[in-house]
């Protein structure tokens, strides 16, 4: 390591600290936040029975709890992305984590359905600011051949959190559903304090991206919507949202009803298998896409395209069989494909559009995805109330994923990026 880079690190343990590339330290710090982000939002889906017993509601109302979160979360995602483009990404992340953790704690103390609905809505407000800011910050640090892998590693935290969401069912059975919300709320508040001392923005981003246009919302909108590929991303995000959130919201209930699993087993089966597959998918898809992109600028499109073209029929199978094993096998394939897409979602966006507005762009895409997903979750509740099998959710989602694969295959406008693999130490904040 050169003298200039080494000079960034002072103290008695300078040699050891110099080996820690801050570009990867940022990924590690945000991995924990991503875990809490999805654990807190999905835990409620594994606690249906005890929550309904304590606060009576219909299946449509229970579905509405997640739908309201998604509609608020999605609607404010563009604003959250714009704030991350306009102000400090790291501060937006810390504020988001702190607020949603407080709301998670409050969720464990509600008494009525209206109160529960309000906590879910407020959680949507706070969480809307996280993902766009986090993925943009990671891409700021990883500007070349490590971008998909770094994004994938961060998203593996999302899947770990979603998988651990299944713990909610077990906690509810052993200690009551309120304990889980109170516990993870306190954990999130504590970690937000840790980030105040550890997380920093990239100095390169502050120097290169802080322009006059960057502070104007209309400039971001014009820059994004003038790109044809962005419109294609809007369409495929709607279809992906239907699949992801329809399955997230109703898979525990489907497994419990269809295969007669217990509450804890259904919650764990709904999260552990599919999230583990997605965990592997973001790592495999990240490495594969980074290597392919060195030879072909569209490599990051091809990897998730292949995944979804295979996963669509497998997901249809999961909603059509009468035995558990083939259903889980189909869900595992879907999980792998979802990982391929998530590892490359932000990298694709930054290839197609102006990087100055990447957080705003991701927020808009998140809005479309979550709005469509919220509609599917609420529709699933209405179908269940009307005694229509939840397998319909799987079949509609499967058809959508095949269309997504086709759209990605024909997505145009990408260029091979020749930037360095990651920002060198000399360009990073020495306080990190």
Protein backbone atom coordinates (compact mmCIF):
# COMPACT_ATOMS: atom_id res chain seq x y z
CA UNK A 1 0.00 0.00 0.00
CA UNK A 2 1.36 3.43 -1.00
CA UNK A 3 2.43 6.12 1.43
CA UNK A 4 -0.46 8.40 0.50
CA UNK A 5 -3.02 5.75 1.29
CA UNK A 6 -1.27 4.71 4.49
CA UNK A 7 -1.25 8.30 5.65
CA UNK A 8 -5.01 8.21 5.91
CA UNK A 9 -4.76 5.91 8.94
CA UNK A 10 -3.13 7.04 12.18
CA UNK A 11 -2.63 5.32 15.50
CA UNK A 12 -0.90 2.33 17.08
CA UNK A 13 -2.86 -0.19 15.05
CA UNK A 14 -2.34 1.56 11.73
CA UNK A 15 -1.13 -1.54 9.86
CA UNK A 16 -4.21 -3.58 10.76
CA UNK A 17 -6.60 -0.72 10.07
CA UNK A 18 -5.02 0.02 6.69
CA UNK A 19 -6.00 -3.45 5.54
CA UNK A 20 -9.69 -2.56 5.98
CA UNK A 21 -10.80 -0.89 2.78
CA UNK A 22 -13.50 1.60 3.88
CA UNK A 23 -15.47 0.86 0.71
CA UNK A 24 -16.15 -2.61 2.15
CA UNK A 25 -16.48 -1.34 5.73
CA UNK A 26 -19.45 0.72 4.55
CA UNK A 27 -21.04 -2.42 3.10
CA UNK A 28 -20.54 -4.20 6.43
CA UNK A 29 -22.06 -1.39 8.47
CA UNK A 30 -25.09 -1.14 6.20
CA UNK A 31 -25.54 -4.92 6.13
CA UNK A 32 -26.79 -4.79 9.72
CA UNK A 33 -29.14 -1.90 8.92
CA UNK A 34 -30.55 -3.81 5.94
CA UNK A 35 -31.15 -6.81 8.21
CA UNK A 36 -33.13 -4.70 10.69
CA UNK A 37 -34.96 -2.94 7.87
CA UNK A 38 -36.61 -6.10 6.59
CA UNK A 39 -36.89 -7.95 9.89
CA UNK A 40 -38.90 -5.10 11.40
CA UNK A 41 -41.22 -4.73 8.44
CA UNK A 42 -41.89 -8.45 7.77
CA UNK A 43 -42.07 -9.81 11.32
CA UNK A 44 -45.76 -8.96 11.49
CA UNK A 45 -46.64 -11.40 8.67
CA UNK A 46 -45.49 -14.37 10.82
CA UNK A 47 -47.58 -13.29 13.84
CA UNK A 48 -51.02 -13.22 12.24
CA UNK A 49 -52.90 -15.53 14.63
CA UNK A 50 -51.83 -14.00 17.98
CA UNK A 51 -52.23 -10.44 16.64
CA UNK A 52 -55.73 -11.17 15.34
CA UNK A 53 -56.59 -12.84 18.65
CA UNK A 54 -55.49 -9.74 20.58
CA UNK A 55 -56.84 -7.17 18.09
CA UNK A 56 -59.77 -8.67 16.11
CA UNK A 57 -59.66 -8.01 12.36
CA UNK A 58 -60.58 -9.63 9.04
CA UNK A 59 -58.07 -11.15 6.64
CA UNK A 60 -58.47 -8.11 4.40
CA UNK A 61 -57.68 -5.82 7.34
CA UNK A 62 -54.63 -7.90 8.24
CA UNK A 63 -53.45 -7.64 4.64
CA UNK A 64 -54.12 -3.90 4.83
CA UNK A 65 -51.50 -3.57 7.60
CA UNK A 66 -48.75 -4.49 5.14
CA UNK A 67 -50.42 -2.76 2.20
CA UNK A 68 -50.60 0.58 4.05
CA UNK A 69 -46.94 0.27 4.99
CA UNK A 70 -46.05 -0.39 1.36
CA UNK A 71 -48.20 2.40 -0.06
CA UNK A 72 -46.75 4.98 2.33
CA UNK A 73 -43.24 3.56 1.98
CA UNK A 74 -43.47 3.48 -1.80
CA UNK A 75 -45.09 6.91 -2.13
CA UNK A 76 -42.35 8.59 -0.09
CA UNK A 77 -39.44 6.64 -1.59
CA UNK A 78 -38.85 9.24 -4.33
CA UNK A 79 -38.67 11.94 -1.64
CA UNK A 80 -36.35 9.76 0.44
CA UNK A 81 -34.14 9.25 -2.61
CA UNK A 82 -34.10 12.96 -3.38
CA UNK A 83 -33.08 13.78 0.20
CA UNK A 84 -30.19 11.32 -0.15
CA UNK A 85 -29.12 12.97 -3.43
CA UNK A 86 -29.48 16.48 -2.01
CA UNK A 87 -28.08 16.02 1.50
CA UNK A 88 -25.78 13.62 3.35
CA UNK A 89 -26.57 10.01 2.48
CA UNK A 90 -25.16 8.74 5.78
CA UNK A 91 -27.25 11.14 7.87
CA UNK A 92 -30.41 10.18 6.00
CA UNK A 93 -29.63 6.52 6.73
CA UNK A 94 -29.07 7.14 10.45
CA UNK A 95 -32.24 9.20 10.84
CA UNK A 96 -34.28 6.58 9.00
CA UNK A 97 -33.01 3.73 11.20
CA UNK A 98 -33.63 5.65 14.41
CA UNK A 99 -37.21 6.60 13.57
CA UNK A 100 -38.36 3.21 12.30
CA UNK A 101 -36.80 1.51 15.32
CA UNK A 102 -38.76 3.76 17.68
CA UNK A 103 -41.92 2.94 15.71
CA UNK A 104 -41.12 -0.79 15.91
CA UNK A 105 -40.92 -0.49 19.69
CA UNK A 106 -44.23 1.41 19.75
CA UNK A 107 -45.89 -1.33 17.67
CA UNK A 108 -45.46 -3.69 20.60
CA UNK A 109 -47.57 -1.37 22.77
CA UNK A 110 -50.63 -0.65 20.58
CA UNK A 111 -54.11 -1.59 21.78
CA UNK A 112 -56.42 -1.10 18.76
CA UNK A 113 -56.45 -1.83 15.04
CA UNK A 114 -56.34 1.89 14.22
CA UNK A 115 -53.23 2.34 16.38
CA UNK A 116 -51.58 -0.65 14.71
CA UNK A 117 -52.45 0.75 11.28
CA UNK A 118 -50.92 4.12 12.19
CA UNK A 119 -47.65 2.56 13.39
CA UNK A 120 -47.37 0.66 10.12
CA UNK A 121 -47.95 3.87 8.15
CA UNK A 122 -45.35 5.83 10.14
CA UNK A 123 -42.88 2.98 9.72
CA UNK A 124 -43.39 3.35 5.97
CA UNK A 125 -42.45 7.04 6.23
CA UNK A 126 -39.17 6.32 8.02
CA UNK A 127 -38.09 3.26 6.04
CA UNK A 128 -38.70 5.06 2.73
CA UNK A 129 -35.46 6.96 3.20
CA UNK A 130 -33.16 3.97 3.76
CA UNK A 131 -32.80 1.75 0.68
CA UNK A 132 -32.28 4.52 -1.93
CA UNK A 133 -29.69 6.23 0.28
CA UNK A 134 -27.90 3.00 1.19
CA UNK A 135 -27.58 1.66 -2.35
CA UNK A 136 -26.48 5.05 -3.65
CA UNK A 137 -23.85 5.31 -0.91
CA UNK A 138 -22.51 1.85 -1.70
CA UNK A 139 -22.35 2.70 -5.40
CA UNK A 140 -20.49 5.93 -4.52
CA UNK A 141 -17.75 3.86 -2.93
CA UNK A 142 -17.80 1.01 -5.48
CA UNK A 143 -17.53 2.67 -8.88
CA UNK A 144 -16.51 -0.17 -11.17
CA UNK A 145 -16.02 -3.92 -11.28
CA UNK A 146 -17.07 -4.54 -7.64
CA UNK A 147 -20.38 -2.67 -7.79
CA UNK A 148 -22.74 -5.64 -8.26
CA UNK A 149 -20.96 -7.74 -5.64
CA UNK A 150 -21.00 -4.89 -3.11
CA UNK A 151 -24.70 -4.27 -3.79
CA UNK A 152 -25.36 -7.99 -3.51
CA UNK A 153 -23.56 -8.29 -0.18
CA UNK A 154 -25.68 -5.46 1.20
CA UNK A 155 -28.86 -7.06 -0.10
CA UNK A 156 -27.88 -10.32 1.58
CA UNK A 157 -28.55 -8.42 4.81
CA UNK A 158 -32.08 -7.80 3.54
CA UNK A 159 -32.60 -11.51 3.03
CA UNK A 160 -31.10 -12.37 6.38
CA UNK A 161 -33.51 -9.95 8.02
CA UNK A 162 -36.43 -11.37 6.07
CA UNK A 163 -35.40 -14.90 7.08
CA UNK A 164 -35.09 -13.88 10.72
CA UNK A 165 -38.57 -12.39 10.43
CA UNK A 166 -39.72 -15.98 10.89
CA UNK A 167 -38.46 -15.73 14.46
CA UNK A 168 -41.48 -13.54 15.08
CA UNK A 169 -43.75 -16.57 14.98
CA UNK A 170 -41.67 -18.42 17.56
CA UNK A 171 -41.34 -15.39 19.82
CA UNK A 172 -45.11 -14.93 19.61
CA UNK A 173 -45.71 -18.55 20.60
CA UNK A 174 -43.28 -18.44 23.54
CA UNK A 175 -43.53 -14.91 24.92
CA UNK A 176 -46.32 -13.11 23.06
CA UNK A 177 -46.23 -11.05 19.89
CA UNK A 178 -45.51 -7.73 21.62
CA UNK A 179 -42.11 -8.88 22.90
CA UNK A 180 -40.60 -9.23 19.42
CA UNK A 181 -41.45 -5.68 18.39
CA UNK A 182 -40.16 -4.22 21.67
CA UNK A 183 -36.90 -6.19 21.50
CA UNK A 184 -35.93 -5.34 17.93
CA UNK A 185 -36.98 -1.73 18.39
CA UNK A 186 -34.41 -1.35 21.17
CA UNK A 187 -31.74 -3.10 19.09
CA UNK A 188 -32.32 -0.70 16.18
CA UNK A 189 -32.15 2.40 18.39
CA UNK A 190 -28.85 1.19 19.84
CA UNK A 191 -27.32 0.53 16.42
CA UNK A 192 -28.36 3.96 15.15
CA UNK A 193 -26.18 5.44 17.91
CA UNK A 194 -23.28 3.25 16.77
CA UNK A 195 -23.58 4.55 13.19
CA UNK A 196 -23.28 8.15 14.36
CA UNK A 197 -19.63 7.41 15.16
CA UNK A 198 -18.85 5.07 12.25
CA UNK A 199 -20.68 5.91 9.02
CA UNK A 200 -19.53 8.68 6.67
CA UNK A 201 -20.25 9.85 3.12
CA UNK A 202 -17.68 9.42 0.36
CA UNK A 203 -15.51 12.52 -0.01
CA UNK A 204 -15.40 11.87 -3.76
CA UNK A 205 -19.18 12.06 -3.95
CA UNK A 206 -19.31 15.28 -1.96
CA UNK A 207 -16.74 16.85 -4.28
CA UNK A 208 -17.89 15.56 -7.66
CA UNK A 209 -21.67 15.25 -7.37
CA UNK A 210 -22.71 18.37 -5.44
CA UNK A 211 -23.86 20.52 -8.36
CA UNK A 212 -26.56 23.14 -8.77
CA UNK A 213 -28.85 20.77 -10.71
CA UNK A 214 -28.55 18.20 -7.99
CA UNK A 215 -30.64 20.27 -5.55
CA UNK A 216 -33.57 20.73 -7.96
CA UNK A 217 -36.32 18.08 -8.01
CA UNK A 218 -37.43 18.98 -11.56
CA UNK A 219 -33.88 18.47 -12.87
CA UNK A 220 -33.86 14.95 -11.43
CA UNK A 221 -37.27 14.18 -12.95
CA UNK A 222 -36.25 15.45 -16.40
CA UNK A 223 -32.96 13.55 -16.31
CA UNK A 224 -34.64 10.28 -15.32
CA UNK A 225 -37.79 10.28 -17.43
CA UNK A 226 -36.00 11.38 -20.58
CA UNK A 227 -34.23 7.98 -20.64
CA UNK A 228 -36.18 5.24 -22.41
CA UNK A 229 -34.55 2.52 -20.34
CA UNK A 230 -35.92 4.11 -17.16
CA UNK A 231 -39.46 3.58 -18.41
CA UNK A 232 -38.66 -0.09 -18.95
CA UNK A 233 -37.31 -0.27 -15.39
CA UNK A 234 -40.61 1.20 -14.15
CA UNK A 235 -42.59 -1.56 -15.86
CA UNK A 236 -40.45 -4.43 -14.67
CA UNK A 237 -40.34 -3.04 -11.10
CA UNK A 238 -44.15 -3.12 -11.01
CA UNK A 239 -44.13 -6.80 -11.97
CA UNK A 240 -41.33 -7.66 -9.55
CA UNK A 241 -43.20 -5.83 -6.78
CA UNK A 242 -46.32 -7.91 -7.38
CA UNK A 243 -44.29 -11.10 -7.06
CA UNK A 244 -42.05 -10.13 -4.13
CA UNK A 245 -44.67 -8.54 -1.91
CA UNK A 246 -47.48 -10.90 -2.78
CA UNK A 247 -45.26 -13.77 -1.64
CA UNK A 248 -43.82 -11.92 1.37
CA UNK A 249 -47.27 -10.97 2.59
CA UNK A 250 -49.16 -14.23 2.13
CA UNK A 251 -46.64 -17.08 1.96
CA UNK A 252 -46.75 -17.90 5.73
CA UNK A 253 -50.56 -18.07 5.61
CA UNK A 254 -50.51 -20.09 2.39
CA UNK A 255 -48.10 -22.68 3.80
CA UNK A 256 -50.06 -22.91 7.04
CA UNK A 257 -53.39 -23.45 5.27
CA UNK A 258 -52.20 -25.53 2.32
CA UNK A 259 -49.78 -27.85 4.13
CA UNK A 260 -51.16 -27.67 7.69
CA UNK A 261 -47.99 -26.30 9.27
CA UNK A 262 -47.86 -24.72 12.73
CA UNK A 263 -47.51 -20.94 13.10
CA UNK A 264 -43.78 -21.06 13.85
CA UNK A 265 -43.03 -23.69 11.21
CA UNK A 266 -45.00 -21.83 8.56
CA UNK A 267 -43.22 -18.58 9.36
CA UNK A 268 -39.79 -20.20 9.27
CA UNK A 269 -40.52 -22.15 6.09
CA UNK A 270 -41.85 -19.02 4.41
CA UNK A 271 -38.69 -17.09 5.21
CA UNK A 272 -35.72 -19.40 5.77
CA UNK A 273 -35.75 -21.34 2.49
CA UNK A 274 -36.52 -18.49 0.14
CA UNK A 275 -34.33 -15.94 1.92
CA UNK A 276 -31.39 -18.34 2.13
CA UNK A 277 -31.68 -18.90 -1.62
CA UNK A 278 -31.82 -15.14 -2.19
CA UNK A 279 -28.75 -14.71 0.06
CA UNK A 280 -26.83 -17.07 -2.22
CA UNK A 281 -28.39 -15.46 -5.29
CA UNK A 282 -27.07 -11.96 -4.58
CA UNK A 283 -23.56 -13.31 -4.08
CA UNK A 284 -23.58 -15.54 -7.16
CA UNK A 285 -25.42 -12.96 -9.25
CA UNK A 286 -23.13 -10.15 -8.09
CA UNK A 287 -19.89 -11.95 -8.98
CA UNK A 288 -21.32 -13.34 -12.23
CA UNK A 289 -22.66 -9.96 -13.37
CA UNK A 290 -19.44 -8.08 -12.50
CA UNK A 291 -17.42 -10.52 -14.60
CA UNK A 292 -19.88 -10.51 -17.50
CA UNK A 293 -20.05 -6.70 -17.47
CA UNK A 294 -16.29 -6.51 -18.09
CA UNK A 295 -16.89 -8.13 -21.49
CA UNK A 296 -20.39 -6.89 -22.26
CA UNK A 297 -22.05 -3.78 -20.83
CA UNK A 298 -25.40 -5.59 -20.77
CA UNK A 299 -24.07 -8.41 -18.60
CA UNK A 300 -25.83 -6.97 -15.55
CA UNK A 301 -29.14 -7.20 -17.42
CA UNK A 302 -28.58 -10.73 -18.69
CA UNK A 303 -27.93 -12.33 -15.29
CA UNK A 304 -31.31 -11.45 -13.69
CA UNK A 305 -33.06 -12.06 -17.03
CA UNK A 306 -31.87 -15.66 -17.06
CA UNK A 307 -32.86 -16.06 -13.42
CA UNK A 308 -36.44 -14.86 -13.86
CA UNK A 309 -37.06 -16.79 -17.06
CA UNK A 310 -36.28 -19.95 -15.09
CA UNK A 311 -37.95 -18.85 -11.85
CA UNK A 312 -41.33 -17.98 -13.38
CA UNK A 313 -42.34 -21.56 -14.20
CA UNK A 314 -40.89 -22.78 -10.89
CA UNK A 315 -42.97 -20.27 -8.92
CA UNK A 316 -46.08 -21.34 -10.83
CA UNK A 317 -45.29 -24.90 -9.75
CA UNK A 318 -45.08 -23.81 -6.10
CA UNK A 319 -48.65 -22.56 -6.23
CA UNK A 320 -49.99 -25.61 -8.05
CA UNK A 321 -48.75 -28.65 -6.14
CA UNK A 322 -50.31 -30.49 -3.19
CA UNK A 323 -47.10 -31.52 -1.42
CA UNK A 324 -44.62 -29.35 0.46
CA UNK A 325 -41.29 -30.49 -1.06
CA UNK A 326 -41.87 -29.38 -4.69
CA UNK A 327 -43.47 -26.16 -3.45
CA UNK A 328 -40.35 -25.31 -1.45
CA UNK A 329 -38.13 -26.29 -4.41
CA UNK A 330 -39.93 -23.78 -6.62
CA UNK A 331 -39.60 -21.09 -3.96
CA UNK A 332 -35.86 -21.74 -3.67
CA UNK A 333 -35.40 -21.16 -7.42
CA UNK A 334 -37.48 -17.97 -7.14
CA UNK A 335 -35.25 -16.85 -4.26
CA UNK A 336 -32.09 -17.34 -6.33
CA UNK A 337 -33.50 -15.33 -9.22
CA UNK A 338 -34.64 -12.54 -6.92
CA UNK A 339 -31.08 -12.36 -5.60
CA UNK A 340 -29.73 -12.05 -9.16
CA UNK A 341 -32.01 -9.06 -9.75
CA UNK A 342 -31.39 -7.29 -6.44
CA UNK A 343 -27.61 -7.49 -6.81
CA UNK A 344 -27.88 -5.69 -10.14
CA UNK A 345 -30.85 -3.36 -9.67
CA UNK A 346 -28.93 -0.22 -8.65
CA UNK A 347 -25.96 -0.98 -10.95
CA UNK A 348 -28.36 -1.22 -13.92
CA UNK A 349 -30.01 2.05 -12.94
CA UNK A 350 -26.64 3.83 -12.69
CA UNK A 351 -25.61 2.46 -16.09
CA UNK A 352 -28.75 3.83 -17.73
CA UNK A 353 -29.19 7.20 -16.01
CA UNK A 354 -27.27 10.17 -14.57
CA UNK A 355 -25.52 8.95 -11.40
CA UNK A 356 -26.24 12.24 -9.64
CA UNK A 357 -29.89 11.22 -9.41
CA UNK A 358 -29.47 7.53 -8.65
CA UNK A 359 -31.06 7.65 -5.19
CA UNK A 360 -34.02 9.62 -6.55
CA UNK A 361 -34.36 7.19 -9.44
CA UNK A 362 -34.28 4.20 -7.13
CA UNK A 363 -36.88 5.87 -4.96
CA UNK A 364 -39.21 6.25 -7.95
CA UNK A 365 -38.69 2.60 -8.90
CA UNK A 366 -39.32 1.61 -5.29
CA UNK A 367 -42.56 3.59 -5.33
CA UNK A 368 -43.82 1.69 -8.36
CA UNK A 369 -42.73 -1.68 -6.97
CA UNK A 370 -44.24 -1.17 -3.54
CA UNK A 371 -47.48 0.30 -4.83
CA UNK A 372 -48.03 -2.70 -7.08
CA UNK A 373 -46.99 -5.05 -4.27
CA UNK A 374 -49.37 -3.40 -1.83
CA UNK A 375 -52.25 -3.88 -4.25
CA UNK A 376 -51.38 -7.57 -4.59
CA UNK A 377 -51.23 -8.09 -0.80
CA UNK A 378 -54.60 -6.41 -0.31
CA UNK A 379 -56.04 -8.37 -3.25
CA UNK A 380 -54.76 -11.57 -1.64
CA UNK A 381 -56.73 -10.77 1.49
CA UNK A 382 -59.85 -10.09 -0.54
CA UNK A 383 -59.38 -13.36 -2.41
CA UNK A 384 -59.02 -15.24 0.85
CA UNK A 385 -62.15 -13.63 2.31
CA UNK A 386 -63.97 -14.71 -0.88
CA UNK A 387 -62.62 -18.29 -0.42
CA UNK A 388 -60.44 -18.06 -3.54
CA UNK A 389 -57.17 -20.01 -3.03
CA UNK A 390 -54.01 -18.00 -2.43
CA UNK A 391 -52.31 -20.07 -5.13
CA UNK A 392 -53.71 -17.48 -7.57
CA UNK A 393 -51.20 -15.00 -6.13
CA UNK A 394 -48.35 -17.34 -7.08
CA UNK A 395 -49.66 -17.96 -10.58
CA UNK A 396 -50.10 -14.27 -11.40
CA UNK A 397 -46.65 -13.50 -9.96
CA UNK A 398 -45.06 -16.28 -12.02
CA UNK A 399 -46.46 -14.89 -15.28
CA UNK A 400 -45.15 -11.44 -14.38
CA UNK A 401 -41.64 -12.72 -13.75
CA UNK A 402 -41.41 -14.29 -17.19
CA UNK A 403 -42.31 -10.89 -18.68
CA UNK A 404 -39.59 -9.28 -16.51
CA UNK A 405 -37.02 -11.72 -17.87
CA UNK A 406 -37.97 -10.83 -21.44
CA UNK A 407 -37.82 -7.08 -20.73
CA UNK A 408 -34.34 -7.40 -19.24
CA UNK A 409 -33.09 -9.35 -22.26
CA UNK A 410 -34.06 -6.50 -24.57
CA UNK A 411 -33.16 -3.59 -22.28
CA UNK A 412 -30.86 -1.24 -24.23
CA UNK A 413 -28.56 1.66 -23.53
CA UNK A 414 -25.91 0.17 -21.22
CA UNK A 415 -22.20 0.81 -21.62
CA UNK A 416 -19.25 -1.06 -20.18
CA UNK A 417 -17.88 0.81 -17.17
CA UNK A 418 -14.11 1.20 -17.02
CA UNK A 419 -13.98 2.90 -13.62
CA UNK A 420 -11.77 1.56 -10.85
CA UNK A 421 -13.10 -1.37 -8.82
CA UNK A 422 -13.57 0.74 -5.71
CA UNK A 423 -12.67 4.21 -4.52
CA UNK A 424 -9.04 4.21 -3.33
CA UNK A 425 -8.25 5.04 0.26
CA UNK A 426 -6.88 8.46 -0.64
CA UNK A 427 -10.36 9.58 -1.71
CA UNK A 428 -12.16 8.43 1.41
CA UNK A 429 -13.12 10.19 4.60
CA UNK A 430 -10.38 9.39 7.11
CA UNK A 431 -12.94 9.52 9.91
CA UNK A 432 -14.60 6.31 8.66
